[in-house]
C-alpha atoms as a PDB file:
ATOM      1  CA  MET A   1     130.308  57.701 106.557  1.00  0.00           C
ATOM      2  CA  GLN A   2     129.860  58.985 102.977  1.00  0.00           C
ATOM      3  CA  LEU A   3     132.135  61.846 101.943  1.00  0.00           C
ATOM      4  CA  ILE A   4     130.622  64.420  99.594  1.00  0.00           C
ATOM      5  CA  LEU A   5     133.181  66.582  97.801  1.00  0.00           C
ATOM      6  CA  ALA A   6     131.687  70.013  97.166  1.00  0.00           C
ATOM      7  CA  SER A   7     134.068  70.694  94.286  1.00  0.00           C
ATOM      8  CA  SER A   8     134.743  69.716  90.702  1.00  0.00           C
ATOM      9  CA  SER A   9     138.506  70.268  91.105  1.00  0.00           C
ATOM     10  CA  PRO A  10     140.352  67.365  89.476  1.00  0.00           C
ATOM     11  CA  ARG A  11     143.306  67.949  91.805  1.00  0.00           C
ATOM     12  CA  ARG A  12     141.180  67.588  94.946  1.00  0.00           C
ATOM     13  CA  GLN A  13     139.615  64.450  93.516  1.00  0.00           C
ATOM     14  CA  GLN A  14     143.059  62.977  92.746  1.00  0.00           C
ATOM     15  CA  LEU A  15     144.355  63.759  96.239  1.00  0.00           C
ATOM     16  CA  LEU A  16     141.405  62.040  97.924  1.00  0.00           C
ATOM     17  CA  GLU A  17     141.782  59.025  95.621  1.00  0.00           C
ATOM     18  CA  GLN A  18     145.528  58.960  96.322  1.00  0.00           C
ATOM     19  CA  VAL A  19     144.888  58.355 100.030  1.00  0.00           C
ATOM     20  CA  GLY A  20     142.102  55.838  99.414  1.00  0.00           C
ATOM     21  CA  ILE A  21     139.098  57.971 100.352  1.00  0.00           C
ATOM     22  CA  SER A  22     135.955  57.283  98.355  1.00  0.00           C
ATOM     23  CA  PHE A  23     133.632  60.198  97.722  1.00  0.00           C
ATOM     24  CA  LYS A  24     130.785  61.491  95.640  1.00  0.00           C
ATOM     25  CA  ILE A  25     130.785  64.906  93.986  1.00  0.00           C
ATOM     26  CA  ARG A  26     128.107  67.520  94.558  1.00  0.00           C
ATOM     27  CA  LYS A  27     129.284  70.759  93.009  1.00  0.00           C
ATOM     28  CA  PRO A  28     127.939  73.897  94.696  1.00  0.00           C
ATOM     29  CA  GLU A  29     126.543  76.626  92.472  1.00  0.00           C
ATOM     30  CA  VAL A  30     127.850  79.788  94.126  1.00  0.00           C
ATOM     31  CA  ASP A  31     128.956  83.268  93.179  1.00  0.00           C
ATOM     32  CA  GLU A  32     132.412  83.503  94.785  1.00  0.00           C
ATOM     33  CA  SER A  33     132.586  87.232  94.046  1.00  0.00           C
ATOM     34  CA  VAL A  34     130.238  87.910  96.992  1.00  0.00           C
ATOM     35  CA  ILE A  35     133.202  87.304  99.325  1.00  0.00           C
ATOM     36  CA  LYS A  36     135.092  90.601  99.181  1.00  0.00           C
ATOM     37  CA  LEU A  37     137.659  89.980 101.930  1.00  0.00           C
ATOM     38  CA  GLU A  38     141.264  90.952 101.250  1.00  0.00           C
ATOM     39  CA  GLU A  39     142.926  88.979 104.059  1.00  0.00           C
ATOM     40  CA  PRO A  40     143.878  85.610 102.484  1.00  0.00           C
ATOM     41  CA  SER A  41     143.163  83.265 105.399  1.00  0.00           C
ATOM     42  CA  ARG A  42     139.780  84.854 106.085  1.00  0.00           C
ATOM     43  CA  LYS A  43     138.875  84.838 102.394  1.00  0.00           C
ATOM     44  CA  VAL A  44     139.561  81.116 101.871  1.00  0.00           C
ATOM     45  CA  GLU A  45     137.733  80.265 105.095  1.00  0.00           C
ATOM     46  CA  GLU A  46     134.654  82.224 104.021  1.00  0.00           C
ATOM     47  CA  LEU A  47     134.755  80.756 100.510  1.00  0.00           C
ATOM     48  CA  ALA A  48     134.967  77.225 101.911  1.00  0.00           C
ATOM     49  CA  LYS A  49     131.948  77.996 104.109  1.00  0.00           C
ATOM     50  CA  LEU A  50     130.008  79.500 101.201  1.00  0.00           C
ATOM     51  CA  LYS A  51     130.610  76.427  99.033  1.00  0.00           C
ATOM     52  CA  ASN A  52     129.846  73.983 101.837  1.00  0.00           C
ATOM     53  CA  ASN A  53     126.622  75.660 102.887  1.00  0.00           C
ATOM     54  CA  HIS A  54     125.337  75.515  99.304  1.00  0.00           C
ATOM     55  CA  VAL A  55     125.429  71.713  99.292  1.00  0.00           C
ATOM     56  CA  THR A  56     122.562  69.919 100.985  1.00  0.00           C
ATOM     57  CA  LEU A  57     123.108  67.061 103.398  1.00  0.00           C
ATOM     58  CA  LYS A  58     120.826  64.289 102.107  1.00  0.00           C
ATOM     59  CA  ASP A  59     121.618  61.630 104.679  1.00  0.00           C
ATOM     60  CA  HIS A  60     122.710  61.573 108.326  1.00  0.00           C
ATOM     61  CA  ASN A  61     125.857  59.624 107.333  1.00  0.00           C
ATOM     62  CA  GLU A  62     127.134  62.264 104.926  1.00  0.00           C
ATOM     63  CA  VAL A  63     130.073  64.599 105.500  1.00  0.00           C
ATOM     64  CA  ILE A  64     130.470  67.484 103.076  1.00  0.00           C
ATOM     65  CA  LEU A  65     134.017  68.621 102.265  1.00  0.00           C
ATOM     66  CA  SER A  66     134.620  72.007 100.640  1.00  0.00           C
ATOM     67  CA  ALA A  67     137.845  73.921 100.093  1.00  0.00           C
ATOM     68  CA  ASP A  68     139.244  77.031  98.479  1.00  0.00           C
ATOM     69  CA  THR A  69     142.865  77.905  97.718  1.00  0.00           C
ATOM     70  CA  VAL A  70     144.564  81.231  97.013  1.00  0.00           C
ATOM     71  CA  VAL A  71     148.130  82.414  96.574  1.00  0.00           C
ATOM     72  CA  ALA A  72     149.144  85.565  98.430  1.00  0.00           C
ATOM     73  CA  TYR A  73     152.164  87.778  97.919  1.00  0.00           C
ATOM     74  CA  GLN A  74     152.670  90.939  99.979  1.00  0.00           C
ATOM     75  CA  LYS A  75     149.058  90.786 101.171  1.00  0.00           C
ATOM     76  CA  HIS A  76     147.781  90.689  97.579  1.00  0.00           C
ATOM     77  CA  ILE A  77     145.660  87.674  96.630  1.00  0.00           C
ATOM     78  CA  PHE A  78     146.430  85.900  93.363  1.00  0.00           C
ATOM     79  CA  GLU A  79     143.504  83.796  92.239  1.00  0.00           C
ATOM     80  CA  LYS A  80     143.242  82.118  88.820  1.00  0.00           C
ATOM     81  CA  PRO A  81     144.539  84.398  86.058  1.00  0.00           C
ATOM     82  CA  LYS A  82     142.024  85.164  83.326  1.00  0.00           C
ATOM     83  CA  THR A  83     144.481  86.427  80.693  1.00  0.00           C
ATOM     84  CA  LYS A  84     148.089  85.922  79.611  1.00  0.00           C
ATOM     85  CA  GLU A  85     148.859  89.374  80.963  1.00  0.00           C
ATOM     86  CA  GLU A  86     147.529  88.462  84.417  1.00  0.00           C
ATOM     87  CA  ALA A  87     149.440  85.170  84.371  1.00  0.00           C
ATOM     88  CA  TYR A  88     152.654  86.952  83.348  1.00  0.00           C
ATOM     89  CA  THR A  89     152.261  89.548  86.107  1.00  0.00           C
ATOM     90  CA  MET A  90     151.637  86.863  88.734  1.00  0.00           C
ATOM     91  CA  ILE A  91     154.619  84.693  87.809  1.00  0.00           C
ATOM     92  CA  GLU A  92     156.908  87.720  87.434  1.00  0.00           C
ATOM     93  CA  SER A  93     155.809  88.975  90.880  1.00  0.00           C
ATOM     94  CA  LEU A  94     156.582  85.593  92.462  1.00  0.00           C
ATOM     95  CA  SER A  95     159.959  85.199  90.728  1.00  0.00           C
ATOM     96  CA  ASP A  96     162.890  85.023  93.180  1.00  0.00           C
ATOM     97  CA  ARG A  97     160.554  85.576  96.140  1.00  0.00           C
ATOM     98  CA  GLN A  98     158.526  83.779  98.771  1.00  0.00           C
ATOM     99  CA  HIS A  99     154.745  83.683  98.769  1.00  0.00           C
ATOM    100  CA  ASP A 100     152.076  81.940 100.796  1.00  0.00           C
ATOM    101  CA  VAL A 101     149.409  79.489  99.721  1.00  0.00           C
ATOM    102  CA  TYR A 102     146.262  79.326 101.843  1.00  0.00           C
ATOM    103  CA  THR A 103     143.570  76.662 101.692  1.00  0.00           C
ATOM    104  CA  GLY A 104     140.382  76.997 103.686  1.00  0.00           C
ATOM    105  CA  VAL A 105     138.609  73.725 104.451  1.00  0.00           C
ATOM    106  CA  MET A 106     135.163  73.026 105.872  1.00  0.00           C
ATOM    107  CA  LEU A 107     133.805  69.607 106.834  1.00  0.00           C
ATOM    108  CA  ARG A 108     130.151  69.375 107.865  1.00  0.00           C
ATOM    109  CA  SER A 109     127.770  66.638 108.950  1.00  0.00           C
ATOM    110  CA  VAL A 110     124.412  66.865 110.693  1.00  0.00           C
ATOM    111  CA  LYS A 111     126.202  66.722 114.058  1.00  0.00           C
ATOM    112  CA  LYS A 112     129.554  68.415 113.578  1.00  0.00           C
ATOM    113  CA  THR A 113     131.395  71.144 111.667  1.00  0.00           C
ATOM    114  CA  ILE A 114     135.163  71.528 111.391  1.00  0.00           C
ATOM    115  CA  ILE A 115     136.759  74.543 109.706  1.00  0.00           C
ATOM    116  CA  PHE A 116     140.475  75.251 109.330  1.00  0.00           C
ATOM    117  CA  VAL A 117     142.973  77.114 107.176  1.00  0.00           C
ATOM    118  CA  GLU A 118     146.323  75.654 106.144  1.00  0.00           C
ATOM    119  CA  LYS A 119     149.235  77.894 105.078  1.00  0.00           C
ATOM    120  CA  THR A 120     152.313  76.843 103.117  1.00  0.00           C
ATOM    121  CA  THR A 121     155.195  79.127 102.138  1.00  0.00           C
ATOM    122  CA  VAL A 122     156.686  78.631  98.657  1.00  0.00           C
ATOM    123  CA  GLU A 123     159.889  80.155  97.328  1.00  0.00           C
ATOM    124  CA  PHE A 124     160.546  80.543  93.596  1.00  0.00           C
ATOM    125  CA  TRP A 125     163.855  80.628  91.796  1.00  0.00           C
ATOM    126  CA  PRO A 126     164.526  83.697  89.640  1.00  0.00           C
ATOM    127  CA  ILE A 127     162.512  83.160  86.422  1.00  0.00           C
ATOM    128  CA  SER A 128     163.551  84.724  83.121  1.00  0.00           C
ATOM    129  CA  LYS A 129     161.066  86.623  80.953  1.00  0.00           C
ATOM    130  CA  LYS A 130     161.552  83.978  78.276  1.00  0.00           C
ATOM    131  CA  ASP A 131     160.640  81.172  80.701  1.00  0.00           C
ATOM    132  CA  ILE A 132     157.571  83.097  81.893  1.00  0.00           C
ATOM    133  CA  HIS A 133     156.395  83.611  78.290  1.00  0.00           C
ATOM    134  CA  THR A 134     156.977  79.937  77.458  1.00  0.00           C
ATOM    135  CA  TYR A 135     155.005  78.942  80.548  1.00  0.00           C
ATOM    136  CA  ILE A 136     152.021  81.260  80.006  1.00  0.00           C
ATOM    137  CA  ASP A 137     151.732  79.938  76.435  1.00  0.00           C
ATOM    138  CA  THR A 138     150.708  76.575  77.940  1.00  0.00           C
ATOM    139  CA  ASP A 139     147.212  75.907  79.299  1.00  0.00           C
ATOM    140  CA  GLU A 140     148.506  75.356  82.823  1.00  0.00           C
ATOM    141  CA  PRO A 141     148.340  78.795  84.490  1.00  0.00           C
ATOM    142  CA  TYR A 142     144.688  79.526  83.866  1.00  0.00           C
ATOM    143  CA  ASP A 143     142.938  77.087  86.181  1.00  0.00           C
ATOM    144  CA  LYS A 144     145.273  77.445  89.140  1.00  0.00           C
ATOM    145  CA  ALA A 145     145.488  79.983  91.944  1.00  0.00           C
ATOM    146  CA  GLY A 146     148.605  82.063  91.488  1.00  0.00           C
ATOM    147  CA  GLY A 147     148.907  80.959  87.889  1.00  0.00           C
ATOM    148  CA  TYR A 148     151.063  77.886  88.507  1.00  0.00           C
ATOM    149  CA  GLY A 149     150.777  74.209  89.308  1.00  0.00           C
ATOM    150  CA  ILE A 150     153.430  72.885  91.684  1.00  0.00           C
ATOM    151  CA  GLN A 151     152.471  69.339  90.666  1.00  0.00           C
ATOM    152  CA  SER A 152     153.149  69.914  86.956  1.00  0.00           C
ATOM    153  CA  ILE A 153     155.129  72.321  84.740  1.00  0.00           C
ATOM    154  CA  GLY A 154     155.213  75.001  87.452  1.00  0.00           C
ATOM    155  CA  ALA A 155     157.364  72.675  89.573  1.00  0.00           C
ATOM    156  CA  LYS A 156     160.429  73.980  87.726  1.00  0.00           C
ATOM    157  CA  PHE A 157     159.992  77.387  89.390  1.00  0.00           C
ATOM    158  CA  VAL A 158     159.946  76.076  92.977  1.00  0.00           C
ATOM    159  CA  LYS A 159     163.135  76.512  94.987  1.00  0.00           C
ATOM    160  CA  GLY A 160     161.597  75.233  98.215  1.00  0.00           C
ATOM    161  CA  ILE A 161     158.546  75.046 100.441  1.00  0.00           C
ATOM    162  CA  VAL A 162     157.810  75.228 104.140  1.00  0.00           C
ATOM    163  CA  GLY A 163     154.630  73.392 105.034  1.00  0.00           C
ATOM    164  CA  ASP A 164     152.299  70.940 103.361  1.00  0.00           C
ATOM    165  CA  TYR A 165     153.078  70.311  99.671  1.00  0.00           C
ATOM    166  CA  TYR A 166     149.552  69.010  99.041  1.00  0.00           C
ATOM    167  CA  ASN A 167     148.134  72.263 100.376  1.00  0.00           C
ATOM    168  CA  VAL A 168     149.817  73.983  97.420  1.00  0.00           C
ATOM    169  CA  VAL A 169     148.236  71.431  95.070  1.00  0.00           C
ATOM    170  CA  GLY A 170     144.840  72.394  96.518  1.00  0.00           C
ATOM    171  CA  LEU A 171     143.990  70.289  99.574  1.00  0.00           C
ATOM    172  CA  PRO A 172     145.970  69.671 102.789  1.00  0.00           C
ATOM    173  CA  VAL A 173     145.029  66.017 102.523  1.00  0.00           C
ATOM    174  CA  SER A 174     146.745  64.677 105.667  1.00  0.00           C
ATOM    175  CA  ARG A 175     145.000  67.269 107.826  1.00  0.00           C
ATOM    176  CA  VAL A 176     141.686  66.500 106.087  1.00  0.00           C
ATOM    177  CA  VAL A 177     142.156  62.791 106.854  1.00  0.00           C
ATOM    178  CA  ARG A 178     142.716  63.562 110.534  1.00  0.00           C
ATOM    179  CA  ALA A 179     139.676  65.835 110.645  1.00  0.00           C
ATOM    180  CA  LEU A 180     137.531  63.165 108.974  1.00  0.00           C
ATOM    181  CA  GLN A 181     138.487  60.729 111.751  1.00  0.00           C
ATOM    182  CA  GLU A 182     136.607  62.983 114.171  1.00  0.00           C
ATOM    183  CA  PHE A 183     133.391  62.278 112.272  1.00  0.00           C
ATOM    184  CA  ASP A 184     133.762  58.515 112.877  1.00  0.00           C
ATOM    185  CA  GLN A 185     133.585  58.928 116.661  1.00  0.00           C
END
């Protein structure tokens, strides 16, 4: 079996490498704005499908893996902030509260398709305005859903999590590994 990662996310690549899975990258060229859904689990599922279906299977041994991650607080989806103002608003909104991180995953071969959504709940400590400003002055918030990286500087905000830590990083890797085993049968 040859895994094809339909993503250029360095975090997803690192997670697959961490668990010893070799893969090739085939980045899908898609317009994610066509998915207008507001419900987080449905949105990430549809985005994972969109990405996956825009990558061609070139061999009967290939399995294409796509994923999409969003942060949701009070039914509002926080994607990647585009400006310092957006990043500030996101982190301030999450301060001293719980939020959910959803990752939609699709695995597809010529014979089988598996789709699932993983949810992890994250709780932040109270964060001062000064700490938020210091954080948004780094490069970190702008390429991460919700404006923070749990695996880097943003870790200092996290009081606790319920669920899969790696889901918050961007790929529920243990569940992906188990799903991939179904393609070997």
